Amino acid sequence: MTIKESLLRFWLHPGNTIKNEVERNTMKAPVIIVLIAGIYDFFTILQTNNVGDEFSLTAISILAILFGPAIGYIYFLIGSWITDLIAGWFGGDRDLRRFRIAYAWASLPTIINLVVVLPFIFTAKETFFLETYQPMFYLVIDGLLVIPYTIYFVIAIKVFYGFSWFKAIIVYVLPAFLLAGLILLITLPFLFL
């Protein structure tokens, strides 16, 4: 199966596609996926930091193209490592290099998010990158796009480690709870100052 066939087949048969790509054991397509997904992640970071007041849409776009891929790659390295570590706690056979292939393919829905968000960016321009930008239609679409992202990640964990649905969901959710706990531990002393 070619990469192009895998990209098309992924949407209907994600588990089999991820298995095939892990067996193919090449990082070419996975790296491209996470680099492009990083542009969406960077747009999200810029939106939550109100950069629309300080930069033009052109400057924001240039920043996203320059720094987004690096953000995507960093998220990919850290996220795949944490997920693989936690899967090991639950009895999964750890193989970080091969899991990173599965993890990257599970990131494919993020590229769809990027494609969907671009019309909002081009119509709202700099206003999109303000925390006050909250049209209901955008919020509904953005919220709905979390669903396939979550489903494909759980499928990747389930297929790669041979976990049950329940165990795969726990491995997917646990890093968020651990991160929240870590942030709470770090900030707790400052709450009492």
C-alpha atoms as a PDB file:
ATOM      1  CA  MET A   1       0.000   0.000   0.000  1.00  0.00           C
ATOM      2  CA  THR A   2       1.362   3.425  -0.944  1.00  0.00           C
ATOM      3  CA  ILE A   3       1.377   6.465   1.337  1.00  0.00           C
ATOM      4  CA  LYS A   4      -1.359   8.038  -0.804  1.00  0.00           C
ATOM      5  CA  GLU A   5      -3.537   4.934  -0.385  1.00  0.00           C
ATOM      6  CA  SER A   6      -2.873   4.970   3.358  1.00  0.00           C
ATOM      7  CA  LEU A   7      -3.901   8.632   3.581  1.00  0.00           C
ATOM      8  CA  LEU A   8      -7.212   7.837   1.880  1.00  0.00           C
ATOM      9  CA  ARG A   9      -7.811   4.518   3.657  1.00  0.00           C
ATOM     10  CA  PHE A  10      -7.049   5.934   7.119  1.00  0.00           C
ATOM     11  CA  TRP A  11     -10.434   7.628   7.477  1.00  0.00           C
ATOM     12  CA  LEU A  12     -12.470   4.422   7.130  1.00  0.00           C
ATOM     13  CA  HIS A  13      -9.982   1.845   8.403  1.00  0.00           C
ATOM     14  CA  PRO A  14      -7.693   3.663  10.841  1.00  0.00           C
ATOM     15  CA  GLY A  15      -6.656   0.577  12.804  1.00  0.00           C
ATOM     16  CA  ASN A  16      -5.546  -1.403   9.753  1.00  0.00           C
ATOM     17  CA  THR A  17      -3.872   1.632   8.215  1.00  0.00           C
ATOM     18  CA  ILE A  18      -1.918   2.348  11.392  1.00  0.00           C
ATOM     19  CA  LYS A  19      -0.858  -1.328  11.611  1.00  0.00           C
ATOM     20  CA  ASN A  20       0.331  -1.258   7.994  1.00  0.00           C
ATOM     21  CA  GLU A  21       2.252   1.982   8.477  1.00  0.00           C
ATOM     22  CA  VAL A  22       3.914   0.710  11.664  1.00  0.00           C
ATOM     23  CA  GLU A  23       4.957  -2.431   9.757  1.00  0.00           C
ATOM     24  CA  ARG A  24       6.254  -0.294   6.881  1.00  0.00           C
ATOM     25  CA  ASN A  25       8.410   1.388   9.567  1.00  0.00           C
ATOM     26  CA  THR A  26       9.147   4.624   7.738  1.00  0.00           C
ATOM     27  CA  MET A  27       9.058   8.073   9.315  1.00  0.00           C
ATOM     28  CA  LYS A  28       8.710  10.104   6.094  1.00  0.00           C
ATOM     29  CA  ALA A  29       4.909  10.545   6.089  1.00  0.00           C
ATOM     30  CA  PRO A  30       4.594  10.667   9.903  1.00  0.00           C
ATOM     31  CA  VAL A  31       7.065  13.545  10.151  1.00  0.00           C
ATOM     32  CA  ILE A  32       5.252  15.476   7.418  1.00  0.00           C
ATOM     33  CA  ILE A  33       1.935  14.904   9.226  1.00  0.00           C
ATOM     34  CA  VAL A  34       3.208  16.245  12.561  1.00  0.00           C
ATOM     35  CA  LEU A  35       4.937  19.224  10.948  1.00  0.00           C
ATOM     36  CA  ILE A  36       1.723  20.297   9.202  1.00  0.00           C
ATOM     37  CA  ALA A  37      -0.360  19.570  12.320  1.00  0.00           C
ATOM     38  CA  GLY A  38       2.010  21.854  14.211  1.00  0.00           C
ATOM     39  CA  ILE A  39       0.800  24.826  12.172  1.00  0.00           C
ATOM     40  CA  TYR A  40      -2.713  24.279  13.548  1.00  0.00           C
ATOM     41  CA  ASP A  41      -1.302  23.869  17.061  1.00  0.00           C
ATOM     42  CA  PHE A  42       0.637  27.116  16.680  1.00  0.00           C
ATOM     43  CA  PHE A  43      -2.481  28.953  15.451  1.00  0.00           C
ATOM     44  CA  THR A  44      -4.228  27.724  18.615  1.00  0.00           C
ATOM     45  CA  ILE A  45      -1.381  29.014  20.786  1.00  0.00           C
ATOM     46  CA  LEU A  46      -1.480  32.381  19.028  1.00  0.00           C
ATOM     47  CA  GLN A  47      -5.247  32.606  19.463  1.00  0.00           C
ATOM     48  CA  THR A  48      -5.103  32.003  23.212  1.00  0.00           C
ATOM     49  CA  ASN A  49      -2.353  34.610  23.570  1.00  0.00           C
ATOM     50  CA  ASN A  50      -4.291  37.466  21.907  1.00  0.00           C
ATOM     51  CA  VAL A  51      -1.676  38.173  19.238  1.00  0.00           C
ATOM     52  CA  GLY A  52      -4.318  39.709  16.963  1.00  0.00           C
ATOM     53  CA  ASP A  53      -3.798  43.026  18.751  1.00  0.00           C
ATOM     54  CA  GLU A  54      -0.065  43.049  18.085  1.00  0.00           C
ATOM     55  CA  PHE A  55       0.482  41.417  14.678  1.00  0.00           C
ATOM     56  CA  SER A  56      -1.032  41.556  11.211  1.00  0.00           C
ATOM     57  CA  LEU A  57      -2.499  38.435   9.608  1.00  0.00           C
ATOM     58  CA  THR A  58       0.533  38.302   7.310  1.00  0.00           C
ATOM     59  CA  ALA A  59       2.935  38.333  10.255  1.00  0.00           C
ATOM     60  CA  ILE A  60       0.854  35.721  12.101  1.00  0.00           C
ATOM     61  CA  SER A  61       0.839  33.480   9.017  1.00  0.00           C
ATOM     62  CA  ILE A  62       4.604  33.804   8.590  1.00  0.00           C
ATOM     63  CA  LEU A  63       5.135  32.988  12.273  1.00  0.00           C
ATOM     64  CA  ALA A  64       2.865  29.935  11.950  1.00  0.00           C
ATOM     65  CA  ILE A  65       4.696  28.664   8.879  1.00  0.00           C
ATOM     66  CA  LEU A  66       8.106  29.221  10.472  1.00  0.00           C
ATOM     67  CA  PHE A  67       7.446  28.032  14.032  1.00  0.00           C
ATOM     68  CA  GLY A  68       4.383  25.788  13.695  1.00  0.00           C
ATOM     69  CA  PRO A  69       6.272  22.771  12.352  1.00  0.00           C
ATOM     70  CA  ALA A  70       8.756  22.992  15.239  1.00  0.00           C
ATOM     71  CA  ILE A  71       5.873  23.134  17.739  1.00  0.00           C
ATOM     72  CA  GLY A  72       4.266  20.134  16.037  1.00  0.00           C
ATOM     73  CA  TYR A  73       7.489  18.159  16.211  1.00  0.00           C
ATOM     74  CA  ILE A  74       8.044  19.023  19.880  1.00  0.00           C
ATOM     75  CA  TYR A  75       4.441  18.048  20.728  1.00  0.00           C
ATOM     76  CA  PHE A  76       4.989  14.825  18.776  1.00  0.00           C
ATOM     77  CA  LEU A  77       8.205  13.913  20.623  1.00  0.00           C
ATOM     78  CA  ILE A  78       6.853  14.684  24.092  1.00  0.00           C
ATOM     79  CA  GLY A  79       3.320  13.364  23.538  1.00  0.00           C
ATOM     80  CA  SER A  80       4.435  10.075  22.021  1.00  0.00           C
ATOM     81  CA  TRP A  81       7.026   9.545  24.757  1.00  0.00           C
ATOM     82  CA  ILE A  82       4.521  10.195  27.571  1.00  0.00           C
ATOM     83  CA  THR A  83       1.872   7.985  25.953  1.00  0.00           C
ATOM     84  CA  ASP A  84       4.362   5.160  25.376  1.00  0.00           C
ATOM     85  CA  LEU A  85       5.579   5.457  28.974  1.00  0.00           C
ATOM     86  CA  ILE A  86       2.037   5.261  30.373  1.00  0.00           C
ATOM     87  CA  ALA A  87       1.144   2.379  28.049  1.00  0.00           C
ATOM     88  CA  GLY A  88       4.130   0.546  29.541  1.00  0.00           C
ATOM     89  CA  TRP A  89       2.638   1.044  33.015  1.00  0.00           C
ATOM     90  CA  PHE A  90      -0.453  -0.801  31.784  1.00  0.00           C
ATOM     91  CA  GLY A  91       1.500  -3.732  30.360  1.00  0.00           C
ATOM     92  CA  GLY A  92       2.005  -2.488  26.808  1.00  0.00           C
ATOM     93  CA  ASP A  93       5.175  -3.596  25.020  1.00  0.00           C
ATOM     94  CA  ARG A  94       7.073  -0.331  24.724  1.00  0.00           C
ATOM     95  CA  ASP A  95       8.615   0.451  21.356  1.00  0.00           C
ATOM     96  CA  LEU A  96       8.871   4.224  21.147  1.00  0.00           C
ATOM     97  CA  ARG A  97      10.161   4.470  17.583  1.00  0.00           C
ATOM     98  CA  ARG A  98       7.360   2.353  16.156  1.00  0.00           C
ATOM     99  CA  PHE A  99       4.736   3.914  18.414  1.00  0.00           C
ATOM    100  CA  ARG A 100       5.747   7.328  17.111  1.00  0.00           C
ATOM    101  CA  ILE A 101       4.634   6.179  13.666  1.00  0.00           C
ATOM    102  CA  ALA A 102       1.206   5.239  15.056  1.00  0.00           C
ATOM    103  CA  TYR A 103       1.041   8.467  17.068  1.00  0.00           C
ATOM    104  CA  ALA A 104       1.817  10.601  14.019  1.00  0.00           C
ATOM    105  CA  TRP A 105      -0.830   8.885  11.907  1.00  0.00           C
ATOM    106  CA  ALA A 106      -3.347   9.444  14.702  1.00  0.00           C
ATOM    107  CA  SER A 107      -2.526  13.171  14.384  1.00  0.00           C
ATOM    108  CA  LEU A 108      -3.933  13.254  10.850  1.00  0.00           C
ATOM    109  CA  PRO A 109      -7.304  14.739  11.966  1.00  0.00           C
ATOM    110  CA  THR A 110      -5.396  17.819  13.155  1.00  0.00           C
ATOM    111  CA  ILE A 111      -4.649  18.610   9.507  1.00  0.00           C
ATOM    112  CA  ILE A 112      -8.400  18.538   8.841  1.00  0.00           C
ATOM    113  CA  ASN A 113      -8.788  20.995  11.729  1.00  0.00           C
ATOM    114  CA  LEU A 114      -6.255  23.258  10.004  1.00  0.00           C
ATOM    115  CA  VAL A 115      -8.150  23.106   6.703  1.00  0.00           C
ATOM    116  CA  VAL A 116     -11.452  23.840   8.467  1.00  0.00           C
ATOM    117  CA  VAL A 117     -10.076  26.754  10.511  1.00  0.00           C
ATOM    118  CA  LEU A 118      -8.403  28.544   7.576  1.00  0.00           C
ATOM    119  CA  PRO A 119     -11.647  30.088   6.213  1.00  0.00           C
ATOM    120  CA  PHE A 120     -12.368  31.482   9.697  1.00  0.00           C
ATOM    121  CA  ILE A 121      -8.863  32.938   9.859  1.00  0.00           C
ATOM    122  CA  PHE A 122      -9.085  34.526   6.406  1.00  0.00           C
ATOM    123  CA  THR A 123     -12.522  36.048   7.043  1.00  0.00           C
ATOM    124  CA  ALA A 124     -11.921  37.270  10.607  1.00  0.00           C
ATOM    125  CA  LYS A 125      -8.257  38.185   9.933  1.00  0.00           C
ATOM    126  CA  GLU A 126      -6.462  39.453  13.063  1.00  0.00           C
ATOM    127  CA  THR A 127      -9.704  39.273  15.074  1.00  0.00           C
ATOM    128  CA  PHE A 128      -9.487  35.463  14.954  1.00  0.00           C
ATOM    129  CA  PHE A 129      -6.393  35.667  17.130  1.00  0.00           C
ATOM    130  CA  LEU A 130      -8.146  37.355  20.037  1.00  0.00           C
ATOM    131  CA  GLU A 131      -9.657  35.465  22.973  1.00  0.00           C
ATOM    132  CA  THR A 132     -12.878  37.385  22.345  1.00  0.00           C
ATOM    133  CA  TYR A 133     -13.341  35.706  18.928  1.00  0.00           C
ATOM    134  CA  GLN A 134     -16.112  33.249  19.718  1.00  0.00           C
ATOM    135  CA  PRO A 135     -18.736  32.954  16.975  1.00  0.00           C
ATOM    136  CA  MET A 136     -21.048  30.057  17.803  1.00  0.00           C
ATOM    137  CA  PHE A 137     -20.570  28.359  14.420  1.00  0.00           C
ATOM    138  CA  TYR A 138     -16.784  28.289  14.875  1.00  0.00           C
ATOM    139  CA  LEU A 139     -17.041  27.038  18.466  1.00  0.00           C
ATOM    140  CA  VAL A 140     -19.392  24.206  17.441  1.00  0.00           C
ATOM    141  CA  ILE A 141     -17.161  23.105  14.561  1.00  0.00           C
ATOM    142  CA  ASP A 142     -13.995  23.365  16.647  1.00  0.00           C
ATOM    143  CA  GLY A 143     -15.656  21.383  19.445  1.00  0.00           C
ATOM    144  CA  LEU A 144     -16.897  18.692  17.068  1.00  0.00           C
ATOM    145  CA  LEU A 145     -13.445  18.249  15.540  1.00  0.00           C
ATOM    146  CA  VAL A 146     -12.137  17.095  18.922  1.00  0.00           C
ATOM    147  CA  ILE A 147     -14.240  13.936  18.581  1.00  0.00           C
ATOM    148  CA  PRO A 148     -12.469  12.326  15.580  1.00  0.00           C
ATOM    149  CA  TYR A 149      -9.098  13.428  16.953  1.00  0.00           C
ATOM    150  CA  THR A 150      -9.818  11.591  20.214  1.00  0.00           C
ATOM    151  CA  ILE A 151     -11.268   8.527  18.503  1.00  0.00           C
ATOM    152  CA  TYR A 152      -8.286   8.092  16.175  1.00  0.00           C
ATOM    153  CA  PHE A 153      -5.799   8.474  19.033  1.00  0.00           C
ATOM    154  CA  VAL A 154      -7.612   5.876  21.127  1.00  0.00           C
ATOM    155  CA  ILE A 155      -7.691   3.551  18.098  1.00  0.00           C
ATOM    156  CA  ALA A 156      -3.928   4.042  17.589  1.00  0.00           C
ATOM    157  CA  ILE A 157      -3.225   3.161  21.235  1.00  0.00           C
ATOM    158  CA  LYS A 158      -5.616   0.187  21.132  1.00  0.00           C
ATOM    159  CA  VAL A 159      -4.181  -1.236  17.917  1.00  0.00           C
ATOM    160  CA  PHE A 160      -0.505  -0.624  18.660  1.00  0.00           C
ATOM    161  CA  TYR A 161      -0.481  -2.048  22.181  1.00  0.00           C
ATOM    162  CA  GLY A 162      -3.281  -4.579  21.730  1.00  0.00           C
ATOM    163  CA  PHE A 163      -5.250  -2.945  24.552  1.00  0.00           C
ATOM    164  CA  SER A 164      -8.963  -3.132  25.223  1.00  0.00           C
ATOM    165  CA  TRP A 165     -11.010  -0.015  24.469  1.00  0.00           C
ATOM    166  CA  PHE A 166     -11.159   0.782  28.182  1.00  0.00           C
ATOM    167  CA  LYS A 167      -7.412   0.509  28.710  1.00  0.00           C
ATOM    168  CA  ALA A 168      -6.704   2.548  25.548  1.00  0.00           C
ATOM    169  CA  ILE A 169      -9.012   5.330  26.769  1.00  0.00           C
ATOM    170  CA  ILE A 170      -7.293   5.355  30.168  1.00  0.00           C
ATOM    171  CA  VAL A 171      -3.861   5.600  28.507  1.00  0.00           C
ATOM    172  CA  TYR A 172      -5.162   8.450  26.319  1.00  0.00           C
ATOM    173  CA  VAL A 173      -6.711  10.422  29.211  1.00  0.00           C
ATOM    174  CA  LEU A 174      -4.136   9.795  31.949  1.00  0.00           C
ATOM    175  CA  PRO A 175      -1.430  12.170  30.600  1.00  0.00           C
ATOM    176  CA  ALA A 176      -3.857  15.109  30.861  1.00  0.00           C
ATOM    177  CA  PHE A 177      -4.596  14.273  34.497  1.00  0.00           C
ATOM    178  CA  LEU A 178      -0.903  13.821  35.288  1.00  0.00           C
ATOM    179  CA  LEU A 179      -0.075  17.141  33.642  1.00  0.00           C
ATOM    180  CA  ALA A 180      -2.881  18.906  35.519  1.00  0.00           C
ATOM    181  CA  GLY A 181      -1.640  17.370  38.779  1.00  0.00           C
ATOM    182  CA  LEU A 182       1.919  18.441  38.053  1.00  0.00           C
ATOM    183  CA  ILE A 183       0.815  22.006  37.316  1.00  0.00           C
ATOM    184  CA  LEU A 184      -1.234  22.027  40.515  1.00  0.00           C
ATOM    185  CA  LEU A 185       1.760  20.813  42.554  1.00  0.00           C
ATOM    186  CA  ILE A 186       3.998  23.464  41.045  1.00  0.00           C
ATOM    187  CA  THR A 187       1.519  26.318  41.540  1.00  0.00           C
ATOM    188  CA  LEU A 188       0.121  25.244  44.917  1.00  0.00           C
ATOM    189  CA  PRO A 189       2.852  26.948  46.976  1.00  0.00           C
ATOM    190  CA  PHE A 190       2.198  30.230  45.144  1.00  0.00           C
ATOM    191  CA  LEU A 191      -1.502  30.124  46.038  1.00  0.00           C
ATOM    192  CA  PHE A 192      -0.648  30.619  49.688  1.00  0.00           C
ATOM    193  CA  LEU A 193       1.777  33.543  49.249  1.00  0.00           C
END
